[in-house]
Amino acid sequence: MVGLMTRRDGTIRDTIWEGVVMRRTRASADPDANPRPVALPAEWDDGAAEALAALAPGEGPVALPRLAEGWIRRVAAKGRKLGVLASAGAAEGFAAGLRSLVLTRRAAPGAGTWANDPKAEPRFVLNLPAFLDEEGGFDSTGYAVAVRLGVTTLEILGNARASRLRLGFADLAGLLAALRLDYESPEARAVGAAISALTRGAAEAASGDLAETFGAREPISLIWPTPPESLPVPGLAEAVRAALDAAASAPGLRHAAIFTLTPPDAVEALLGAETGGLAPAVAPTRLVSTPDGDVMEVPTRAALLAGEDATRLLAPRGPEARAAMEAVLRPWMHSSSPGAAVPAQAPRPAPKPRQHAVHGRGAVWKVSIGGHRVTLRTMEGAHGLEEISLNFAKDGAAFRAMVDALCHSVTVGLNSGVRLDEYVQAFAYTRFGPAGVVEGDPAIHRASSVLDWAFRRLALDHLGGRVLPDPTDEECGFDHLGTAAQQLPLLPDLPSAPAPAARRRALRLVG
C-alpha cells in the first residue's frame, strides 16, 4: 500500500520526512527469519527494506523516519552538549543535513550507530553513485559537504576525543560504470584518485575547523601526491584543488587519520551501494526471488546506469585490476583498504521451495546442517559457474563478513580462471561447527562443516556429478558438537583429528 507520511509527532514534525510518500512491506535480513513490517520511501527497493530490517533492533515493526530520527536527534543533542555544535541553530542545521543525506541515499553512519550499539566502532560511508548529477556528472560540491557532515558526526560519536576516525566511500565501481568508464582504464583510475583526493581534502579541512575549537593534535600535511588534472568529469579537478587548498590553510588537524575504507555492513545496502569501497563489480546482474518463489536474474543498479555498455563495463575483474586501482588510491588514504573486496548487498531473499530451485542460470539450495539452516546460491555464465554466496539463519556479524569475503574471493577466482576442483580440494572436509546431519540434500547426508557440504554440493552440480563420500560420524564431531543450540556461536574450531585432512590430501578431481 502506498500513502502519504502525514503523521505529525515529535519524531517527524517539521522535518523533511513530512509528506514523503511511503510504502509498507514485510522484510527480513535473514531468509529464514519471520518477516517484520517495514515502512520506507515508495521508490526504495526490497533490498533496502531487508537492510532496514537488519539495522533496527528487535523483531517488531520498523519505519525509516523513526529509526533514522532516533540516531540523528541523539547525535545532534550530544554534539550540542559537547560543544561540537555551537548553537541550537547549528544543531538543527546539522540534523537537517543528515536527514537529507539519508533520504537521498547519499551517506549514513554504520550499522552500530543505527542500533545504538556503544561497543561498535563508529564509521561513516558515502555512496558514490548517489552523487551523480542530472547531467551525468559528479556533484563535487555536495560530496564535499557530505564529507564534512560525516567528519562532524564521527567527532560527536567519538565524544570529541577520538584521534582516528573512519570515513570512506562505497561503490566506486558503480560510479565508474555510470560515467561509462572501464574499471581497468587509466581514466577510471584517475577519477578514483580524484575522488579520493577530494575525500581527503574535505575531511582534513573539516578536521582543521574542529581543531580551531578543540585544539590541534596533528600538523597539517602540506605535501600530497599530485592530484589528477585532466579528468573526464567536468569540475572534479577544480573541486579537488579547492578542497586541498582549504585543508592546507588549516592551523592544524584534530585527527591523525580520517579517510579509510572499511568492510561494508547493512548501511551500504540501505543506501543502494552494490560494492564495498573500491572493489570492482562482480557482474552486471544479480539473483532475486520472485513473489511465487522462483529465482530470476535482474540487472544491477550499476548496469541500469551503464545502459548498453553494462556487459562490458561490469564484466568480472581479476585481483590485478583491484590492485591497480588501490595502488593509485592508497596514497590519499590515511590507512589501507580492507584486504578482501566484500560485496555490499544485503543478504539476498530466499525462494519458498526448500529443495533445489533452478531458474535459468541461477540455483538455490536450502538445507539444515546440524540443526542450522544454510542457503547456498550460485550463478552460472557462459563458461560455467561464476558466482557463489552462502547465508545462515543464525550467525554473528564477524562470521557473516568472513564467509561473505570467502565467497567473494572464490567468485573472483572463478572469474579469473581458477578451476572449481581446486576450491573443492581446499574446502571439502574442513571441520568446524556447525556440522553433522544434512537435511534437505538427497545426495549428501553428513558434513564436517558448512564449507564441506557447500563445496561437495558444487562438485556434484558442476564437476560432472562427482560424488565425494560423506565424512564419518567421528569426522563430524558428533561426540562433542552437541545440539544446534549448544553449537552457537558459530566459531571455527582447529582440526582435532587427522582424518579430514588426510582425506582432503587424497582427493583428486578431474574436470
Foldseek 3Di string as FASTA:
>chain_A
DKDFPADDDPQCHPAPNHRAIKDWDWEALAQPDGTEIEIEGPPDDRLLRHLQNVLEPDRYYYYVSNLLSVLLVVLLVLCCVLCVQVDPVSSVVLSRLQVVCLNLLFKDKASCSSHVPLVDQIEIEGEQVSQQDPVLFGNLVNVLVVLLSRLSSNCSSVSVPAQAAHYEYFALLLSCLLSVHALLDPQSLLVLQLVLLLSLLSNLLSQLVSCVVVNADFAQDPDAPDRDDDHPHPPSNVSSVVSNVSNNPRRHGSHLFHYEFEDADSSCSSSQGFWGGSDAALAQWDWAADPQQAIDIDGGPSLVSNDPCSRVRRYADAPVSSVVSQVSNVRSHSDGYDPFTFTRGRDHHHGDDQAWHDDPFKIWHWKAFLNWIKIKIWGADPVGTQFIAMGTNDADPVVRRVRRRVRVVVNNCVSVPDDLVVLLLVQALAAFPPWFAMGRDPQAGTGRYPSNVVSQVCCCVGQVNDHDDYDDPVSNVVVPCDHPVSNPPRDGDDDDDCVSVVVSVPDDGDD
